[in-house]
């Protein structure tokens, strides 16, 4: 199984950006964690990050025929991007939305997710472990 793992804006700033919310580990630590989790679950993971909505949309579109599923942390685009939602719907691949923090316990605007409309489930508030849970969910589906 091949899984595309996409991370949206500002996740490249992990460890520096609001560590009280997102933790002290770096983005490189997250990538290593996801790769290790994928290996343990006997799947391949291609982990990418972009601060640009269009690049995320392009990667989602290109996933069709190349990947079996998508794990996506759209970050701030969660609450604003119909384009990412439409791309996820268009490729029709199993997808799981992930958030490091518990978005349901944060500001009201963070509780709205367009992307979730195209995902089988949303995993939030588990930090890095949420990515492992997302991969497990997709493997079991």
Protein backbone atom coordinates (compact mmCIF):
# COMPACT_ATOMS: atom_id res chain seq x y z
CA UNK A 1 0.00 0.00 0.00
CA UNK A 2 1.25 3.47 -0.92
CA UNK A 3 0.04 6.45 1.09
CA UNK A 4 0.54 10.11 0.25
CA UNK A 5 0.95 12.15 3.45
CA UNK A 6 0.36 15.86 2.90
CA UNK A 7 1.03 18.65 5.36
CA UNK A 8 -0.17 22.19 4.85
CA UNK A 9 1.07 25.65 5.75
CA UNK A 10 3.32 26.35 8.70
CA UNK A 11 3.87 22.72 9.61
CA UNK A 12 7.44 23.21 8.44
CA UNK A 13 7.73 25.49 11.52
CA UNK A 14 7.00 22.74 14.05
CA UNK A 15 9.11 23.13 17.16
CA UNK A 16 9.23 26.90 16.67
CA UNK A 17 5.56 27.78 16.18
CA UNK A 18 3.50 27.80 19.37
CA UNK A 19 5.20 24.81 21.05
CA UNK A 20 2.57 24.90 23.80
CA UNK A 21 0.01 23.86 21.15
CA UNK A 22 2.05 21.95 18.57
CA UNK A 23 4.90 20.56 20.66
CA UNK A 24 8.67 21.02 20.65
CA UNK A 25 9.50 18.43 17.99
CA UNK A 26 10.52 19.62 14.52
CA UNK A 27 9.01 18.91 11.13
CA UNK A 28 11.97 16.60 10.42
CA UNK A 29 10.97 14.68 13.57
CA UNK A 30 7.42 14.38 12.22
CA UNK A 31 8.62 13.06 8.86
CA UNK A 32 10.85 10.49 10.60
CA UNK A 33 7.94 9.44 12.82
CA UNK A 34 5.59 8.99 9.85
CA UNK A 35 8.20 7.03 7.88
CA UNK A 36 8.89 4.76 10.85
CA UNK A 37 5.16 4.25 11.47
CA UNK A 38 4.60 3.39 7.80
CA UNK A 39 7.46 0.91 7.83
CA UNK A 40 6.10 -0.76 10.98
CA UNK A 41 2.69 -1.04 9.28
CA UNK A 42 4.25 -2.41 6.07
CA UNK A 43 3.18 0.49 3.85
CA UNK A 44 5.06 3.09 1.82
CA UNK A 45 4.59 6.73 2.76
CA UNK A 46 5.54 9.74 0.67
CA UNK A 47 5.54 12.71 3.06
CA UNK A 48 5.28 16.24 1.66
CA UNK A 49 4.68 19.74 3.00
CA UNK A 50 3.71 22.96 1.26
CA UNK A 51 2.66 26.43 2.28
CA UNK A 52 0.87 26.80 -1.07
CA UNK A 53 -2.71 25.69 -1.60
CA UNK A 54 -2.25 25.12 -5.33
CA UNK A 55 0.72 22.83 -4.78
CA UNK A 56 -1.31 20.71 -2.34
CA UNK A 57 -4.16 20.55 -4.89
CA UNK A 58 -1.72 19.46 -7.62
CA UNK A 59 -0.24 16.73 -5.41
CA UNK A 60 -3.72 15.45 -4.58
CA UNK A 61 -4.63 15.37 -8.27
CA UNK A 62 -1.39 13.55 -9.15
CA UNK A 63 -2.07 10.94 -6.45
CA UNK A 64 -4.74 9.28 -8.58
CA UNK A 65 -3.24 6.09 -10.00
CA UNK A 66 -0.03 6.51 -7.97
CA UNK A 67 -1.25 6.14 -4.38
CA UNK A 68 -3.83 4.01 -2.62
CA UNK A 69 -4.81 6.58 0.01
CA UNK A 70 -4.11 10.04 1.40
CA UNK A 71 -3.40 11.30 4.91
CA UNK A 72 -3.77 15.07 4.99
CA UNK A 73 -3.14 17.72 7.60
CA UNK A 74 -4.40 20.72 5.65
CA UNK A 75 -3.51 23.00 8.58
CA UNK A 76 -5.08 26.45 8.09
CA UNK A 77 -6.52 25.37 4.73
CA UNK A 78 -8.78 23.00 6.67
CA UNK A 79 -11.09 25.91 7.38
CA UNK A 80 -10.89 27.74 4.06
CA UNK A 81 -10.11 25.53 1.10
CA UNK A 82 -12.91 24.38 -1.12
CA UNK A 83 -10.17 23.74 -3.70
CA UNK A 84 -8.56 21.05 -1.53
CA UNK A 85 -11.99 19.56 -0.80
CA UNK A 86 -12.78 19.44 -4.52
CA UNK A 87 -9.42 17.82 -5.32
CA UNK A 88 -9.98 15.13 -2.67
CA UNK A 89 -13.46 14.47 -4.05
CA UNK A 90 -12.16 14.35 -7.63
CA UNK A 91 -9.46 11.73 -7.01
CA UNK A 92 -11.86 9.60 -4.97
CA UNK A 93 -9.12 8.00 -2.86
CA UNK A 94 -9.63 6.97 0.76
CA UNK A 95 -8.47 9.90 2.89
CA UNK A 96 -8.02 10.73 6.56
CA UNK A 97 -7.68 14.26 7.93
CA UNK A 98 -5.18 14.69 10.78
CA UNK A 99 -4.51 17.54 13.19
CA UNK A 100 -1.81 17.67 15.84
CA UNK A 101 -3.94 19.76 18.19
CA UNK A 102 -7.51 19.22 19.33
CA UNK A 103 -9.15 21.66 16.94
CA UNK A 104 -12.55 21.04 18.57
CA UNK A 105 -11.26 22.69 21.76
CA UNK A 106 -9.80 25.75 20.01
CA UNK A 107 -11.24 28.86 18.35
CA UNK A 108 -14.66 28.48 16.72
CA UNK A 109 -13.30 29.02 13.21
CA UNK A 110 -10.94 26.04 13.65
CA UNK A 111 -13.91 23.76 14.24
CA UNK A 112 -15.05 24.07 10.62
CA UNK A 113 -13.43 21.64 8.19
CA UNK A 114 -14.18 21.63 4.49
CA UNK A 115 -11.65 18.85 3.90
CA UNK A 116 -13.39 16.51 6.34
CA UNK A 117 -16.30 16.32 3.90
CA UNK A 118 -14.08 14.19 1.63
CA UNK A 119 -12.42 12.13 4.38
CA UNK A 120 -13.44 8.86 6.01
CA UNK A 121 -12.51 10.19 9.46
CA UNK A 122 -10.71 12.99 11.27
CA UNK A 123 -8.07 12.34 13.92
CA UNK A 124 -7.21 15.35 16.09
CA UNK A 125 -5.41 16.08 19.31
CA UNK A 126 -3.07 13.10 19.32
CA UNK A 127 0.09 14.90 18.20
CA UNK A 128 2.36 12.84 15.98
CA UNK A 129 0.53 9.65 17.00
CA UNK A 130 -2.48 10.84 15.01
CA UNK A 131 -0.56 10.14 11.80
CA UNK A 132 0.09 6.55 12.89
CA UNK A 133 -3.61 6.17 13.72
CA UNK A 134 -4.54 7.54 10.29
CA UNK A 135 -2.28 5.04 8.55
CA UNK A 136 -3.67 2.20 10.70
CA UNK A 137 -7.21 3.26 9.80
CA UNK A 138 -6.41 3.24 6.08
CA UNK A 139 -4.66 -0.13 6.24
CA UNK A 140 -7.69 -1.62 8.02
CA UNK A 141 -10.18 -0.11 5.55
